[in-house]
Amino acid sequence: MLAEQLRAEETPISPHVVDAAEPATLGELAASGPGAAAAPAEYAFVVEAVREGYLLHYEEPRLLAGHDSDLALLAGDYLYALGLDRLAALGDTAAVTALSDLISECARLHAEGEREGIPALWRKAAEEIAAGAAVSTEKRYV
């Protein structure tokens, strides 16, 4: 779904979009619970857009190939914004906070060279969104 939209937008990203070789498991997880029951496909899209933004910034993207590092950075920012904007349109401020905090915490961990716990943080955020759990104002990832 995300790859289809990125191709259709006819942006500088579009020519680099490829089909993902792996399933969108975090998006599926986020969409599977009562917190996403009103719009499961939209929640899956949001989590996968933000995840792809993260991958473009720090790892190997699943949906883009043949791009340079400048495009990767810009595309990552765009996908963060796209996901959070669509989530805000759903009115789910708790999930916006969860993903925003996750993005910040991942950036901090990468800057400090402490990457080993990041996959668990992504899973925890997806589970939190799925559950529709109230978000504490305290840092949830430290």
C-alpha atoms as a PDB file:
ATOM      1  CA  MET A   1       0.000   0.000   0.000  1.00  0.00           C
ATOM      2  CA  LEU A   2       2.795   2.455   0.918  1.00  0.00           C
ATOM      3  CA  ALA A   3       4.854   1.528  -2.146  1.00  0.00           C
ATOM      4  CA  GLU A   4       1.811   2.036  -4.374  1.00  0.00           C
ATOM      5  CA  GLN A   5       1.214   5.526  -2.992  1.00  0.00           C
ATOM      6  CA  LEU A   6       4.862   6.516  -3.301  1.00  0.00           C
ATOM      7  CA  ARG A   7       4.919   5.388  -6.936  1.00  0.00           C
ATOM      8  CA  ALA A   8       1.693   7.241  -7.739  1.00  0.00           C
ATOM      9  CA  GLU A   9       2.837  10.550  -6.252  1.00  0.00           C
ATOM     10  CA  GLU A  10       5.311  11.177  -9.085  1.00  0.00           C
ATOM     11  CA  THR A  11       7.909  12.758  -6.803  1.00  0.00           C
ATOM     12  CA  PRO A  12      11.711  12.389  -6.867  1.00  0.00           C
ATOM     13  CA  ILE A  13      11.129   9.316  -4.685  1.00  0.00           C
ATOM     14  CA  SER A  14       8.811   7.569  -7.169  1.00  0.00           C
ATOM     15  CA  PRO A  15      11.418   6.196  -9.613  1.00  0.00           C
ATOM     16  CA  HIS A  16      13.244   4.523  -6.725  1.00  0.00           C
ATOM     17  CA  VAL A  17      10.287   2.658  -5.223  1.00  0.00           C
ATOM     18  CA  VAL A  18      10.568  -1.129  -5.195  1.00  0.00           C
ATOM     19  CA  ASP A  19       8.369  -3.862  -3.775  1.00  0.00           C
ATOM     20  CA  ALA A  20       9.348  -4.883  -0.263  1.00  0.00           C
ATOM     21  CA  ALA A  21      10.961  -8.283   0.044  1.00  0.00           C
ATOM     22  CA  GLU A  22       9.654  -8.715   3.577  1.00  0.00           C
ATOM     23  CA  PRO A  23       6.165  -8.352   5.047  1.00  0.00           C
ATOM     24  CA  ALA A  24       5.066  -5.212   6.872  1.00  0.00           C
ATOM     25  CA  THR A  25       4.974  -6.953  10.235  1.00  0.00           C
ATOM     26  CA  LEU A  26       5.081  -3.878  12.462  1.00  0.00           C
ATOM     27  CA  GLY A  27       2.250  -2.245  10.550  1.00  0.00           C
ATOM     28  CA  GLU A  28       0.250  -5.464  10.732  1.00  0.00           C
ATOM     29  CA  LEU A  29       0.903  -5.672  14.474  1.00  0.00           C
ATOM     30  CA  ALA A  30      -0.189  -2.064  15.070  1.00  0.00           C
ATOM     31  CA  ALA A  31      -3.350  -2.630  13.024  1.00  0.00           C
ATOM     32  CA  SER A  32      -4.283  -5.848  14.820  1.00  0.00           C
ATOM     33  CA  GLY A  33      -5.628  -4.492  18.081  1.00  0.00           C
ATOM     34  CA  PRO A  34      -8.560  -2.536  19.429  1.00  0.00           C
ATOM     35  CA  GLY A  35      -6.630   0.739  19.278  1.00  0.00           C
ATOM     36  CA  ALA A  36      -6.645   0.530  15.487  1.00  0.00           C
ATOM     37  CA  ALA A  37     -10.070  -1.060  15.031  1.00  0.00           C
ATOM     38  CA  ALA A  38     -11.605   2.075  13.499  1.00  0.00           C
ATOM     39  CA  ALA A  39      -9.101   2.131  10.608  1.00  0.00           C
ATOM     40  CA  PRO A  40      -6.715  -0.842  10.643  1.00  0.00           C
ATOM     41  CA  ALA A  41      -5.382  -0.306   7.110  1.00  0.00           C
ATOM     42  CA  GLU A  42      -4.616   3.316   7.903  1.00  0.00           C
ATOM     43  CA  TYR A  43      -2.757   2.377  11.097  1.00  0.00           C
ATOM     44  CA  ALA A  44      -0.730  -0.224   9.209  1.00  0.00           C
ATOM     45  CA  PHE A  45       0.114   2.394   6.565  1.00  0.00           C
ATOM     46  CA  VAL A  46       1.150   4.940   9.191  1.00  0.00           C
ATOM     47  CA  VAL A  47       3.461   2.615  11.089  1.00  0.00           C
ATOM     48  CA  GLU A  48       5.053   1.350   7.887  1.00  0.00           C
ATOM     49  CA  ALA A  49       5.572   4.894   6.568  1.00  0.00           C
ATOM     50  CA  VAL A  50       7.293   5.959   9.782  1.00  0.00           C
ATOM     51  CA  ARG A  51       9.297   2.723   9.861  1.00  0.00           C
ATOM     52  CA  GLU A  52      10.464   3.246   6.282  1.00  0.00           C
ATOM     53  CA  GLY A  53      11.458   6.804   7.210  1.00  0.00           C
ATOM     54  CA  TYR A  54      13.564   5.402  10.027  1.00  0.00           C
ATOM     55  CA  LEU A  55      15.151   2.828   7.728  1.00  0.00           C
ATOM     56  CA  LEU A  56      16.025   5.530   5.203  1.00  0.00           C
ATOM     57  CA  HIS A  57      17.784   7.517   7.917  1.00  0.00           C
ATOM     58  CA  TYR A  58      19.626   4.731   9.704  1.00  0.00           C
ATOM     59  CA  GLU A  59      19.501   1.342   7.995  1.00  0.00           C
ATOM     60  CA  GLU A  60      18.596  -0.242   4.662  1.00  0.00           C
ATOM     61  CA  PRO A  61      15.213   0.828   3.315  1.00  0.00           C
ATOM     62  CA  ARG A  62      12.795  -1.816   2.125  1.00  0.00           C
ATOM     63  CA  LEU A  63      10.935   0.289  -0.427  1.00  0.00           C
ATOM     64  CA  LEU A  64      13.598   2.409  -2.113  1.00  0.00           C
ATOM     65  CA  ALA A  65      16.621   1.419  -4.181  1.00  0.00           C
ATOM     66  CA  GLY A  66      19.131   3.228  -6.378  1.00  0.00           C
ATOM     67  CA  HIS A  67      18.910   6.511  -4.499  1.00  0.00           C
ATOM     68  CA  ASP A  68      21.678   8.685  -3.084  1.00  0.00           C
ATOM     69  CA  SER A  69      22.165   9.617   0.565  1.00  0.00           C
ATOM     70  CA  ASP A  70      20.626  13.084   0.140  1.00  0.00           C
ATOM     71  CA  LEU A  71      17.430  11.628  -1.295  1.00  0.00           C
ATOM     72  CA  ALA A  72      17.390   9.014   1.477  1.00  0.00           C
ATOM     73  CA  LEU A  73      17.480  11.727   4.131  1.00  0.00           C
ATOM     74  CA  LEU A  74      14.771  13.802   2.460  1.00  0.00           C
ATOM     75  CA  ALA A  75      12.608  10.766   1.754  1.00  0.00           C
ATOM     76  CA  GLY A  76      12.986   9.653   5.366  1.00  0.00           C
ATOM     77  CA  ASP A  77      11.819  13.031   6.620  1.00  0.00           C
ATOM     78  CA  TYR A  78       8.924  12.969   4.170  1.00  0.00           C
ATOM     79  CA  LEU A  79       7.814   9.515   5.331  1.00  0.00           C
ATOM     80  CA  TYR A  80       8.004  10.502   9.004  1.00  0.00           C
ATOM     81  CA  ALA A  81       5.806  13.516   8.239  1.00  0.00           C
ATOM     82  CA  LEU A  82       3.434  11.545   6.014  1.00  0.00           C
ATOM     83  CA  GLY A  83       2.829   8.922   8.684  1.00  0.00           C
ATOM     84  CA  LEU A  84       2.406  11.356  11.561  1.00  0.00           C
ATOM     85  CA  ASP A  85       0.133  13.620   9.509  1.00  0.00           C
ATOM     86  CA  ARG A  86      -2.172  10.736   8.598  1.00  0.00           C
ATOM     87  CA  LEU A  87      -2.203   9.562  12.199  1.00  0.00           C
ATOM     88  CA  ALA A  88      -3.051  13.057  13.429  1.00  0.00           C
ATOM     89  CA  ALA A  89      -5.923  13.135  10.923  1.00  0.00           C
ATOM     90  CA  LEU A  90      -7.316  10.074  12.708  1.00  0.00           C
ATOM     91  CA  GLY A  91      -7.303  12.102  15.930  1.00  0.00           C
ATOM     92  CA  ASP A  92      -5.132   9.577  17.758  1.00  0.00           C
ATOM     93  CA  THR A  93      -2.852  11.901  19.664  1.00  0.00           C
ATOM     94  CA  ALA A  94      -1.648   9.072  21.907  1.00  0.00           C
ATOM     95  CA  ALA A  95      -0.320   7.166  18.893  1.00  0.00           C
ATOM     96  CA  VAL A  96       1.229  10.355  17.475  1.00  0.00           C
ATOM     97  CA  THR A  97       3.033  10.788  20.775  1.00  0.00           C
ATOM     98  CA  ALA A  98       4.140   7.142  20.803  1.00  0.00           C
ATOM     99  CA  LEU A  99       5.653   7.358  17.313  1.00  0.00           C
ATOM    100  CA  SER A 100       7.164  10.803  17.884  1.00  0.00           C
ATOM    101  CA  ASP A 101       8.826   9.604  21.068  1.00  0.00           C
ATOM    102  CA  LEU A 102      10.025   6.483  19.269  1.00  0.00           C
ATOM    103  CA  ILE A 103      11.608   8.535  16.474  1.00  0.00           C
ATOM    104  CA  SER A 104      13.374  10.732  19.041  1.00  0.00           C
ATOM    105  CA  GLU A 105      14.580   7.804  21.103  1.00  0.00           C
ATOM    106  CA  CYS A 106      15.903   5.965  18.040  1.00  0.00           C
ATOM    107  CA  ALA A 107      17.822   9.100  17.002  1.00  0.00           C
ATOM    108  CA  ARG A 108      19.324   9.369  20.467  1.00  0.00           C
ATOM    109  CA  LEU A 109      20.326   5.708  20.558  1.00  0.00           C
ATOM    110  CA  HIS A 110      21.920   5.915  17.124  1.00  0.00           C
ATOM    111  CA  ALA A 111      23.852   9.034  18.140  1.00  0.00           C
ATOM    112  CA  GLU A 112      25.121   7.221  21.232  1.00  0.00           C
ATOM    113  CA  GLY A 113      25.937   4.021  19.334  1.00  0.00           C
ATOM    114  CA  GLU A 114      23.463   1.968  21.375  1.00  0.00           C
ATOM    115  CA  ARG A 115      21.423   0.340  18.621  1.00  0.00           C
ATOM    116  CA  GLU A 116      20.822  -3.135  20.003  1.00  0.00           C
ATOM    117  CA  GLY A 117      17.566  -2.272  21.795  1.00  0.00           C
ATOM    118  CA  ILE A 118      15.943  -0.443  18.878  1.00  0.00           C
ATOM    119  CA  PRO A 119      14.013  -3.402  17.375  1.00  0.00           C
ATOM    120  CA  ALA A 120      12.323  -4.007  20.724  1.00  0.00           C
ATOM    121  CA  LEU A 121      11.327  -0.334  20.913  1.00  0.00           C
ATOM    122  CA  TRP A 122       9.637  -0.565  17.517  1.00  0.00           C
ATOM    123  CA  ARG A 123       7.728  -3.649  18.591  1.00  0.00           C
ATOM    124  CA  LYS A 124       6.687  -1.997  21.863  1.00  0.00           C
ATOM    125  CA  ALA A 125       5.388   1.091  20.014  1.00  0.00           C
ATOM    126  CA  ALA A 126       3.416  -1.073  17.551  1.00  0.00           C
ATOM    127  CA  GLU A 127       1.914  -3.041  20.442  1.00  0.00           C
ATOM    128  CA  GLU A 128       1.025   0.179  22.259  1.00  0.00           C
ATOM    129  CA  ILE A 129      -0.738   1.538  19.187  1.00  0.00           C
ATOM    130  CA  ALA A 130      -2.571  -1.754  18.695  1.00  0.00           C
ATOM    131  CA  ALA A 131      -3.721  -1.764  22.297  1.00  0.00           C
ATOM    132  CA  GLY A 132      -4.809   1.854  22.202  1.00  0.00           C
ATOM    133  CA  ALA A 133      -3.055   2.294  25.522  1.00  0.00           C
ATOM    134  CA  ALA A 134      -3.019   5.697  27.139  1.00  0.00           C
ATOM    135  CA  VAL A 135       0.344   7.326  26.655  1.00  0.00           C
ATOM    136  CA  SER A 136       2.197   8.574  29.676  1.00  0.00           C
ATOM    137  CA  THR A 137       3.950  11.928  29.482  1.00  0.00           C
ATOM    138  CA  GLU A 138       7.007  10.235  30.967  1.00  0.00           C
ATOM    139  CA  LYS A 139       9.624   8.843  28.628  1.00  0.00           C
ATOM    140  CA  ARG A 140       8.483   5.356  27.768  1.00  0.00           C
ATOM    141  CA  TYR A 141      11.673   4.087  26.153  1.00  0.00           C
ATOM    142  CA  VAL A 142      14.293   4.716  28.761  1.00  0.00           C
END
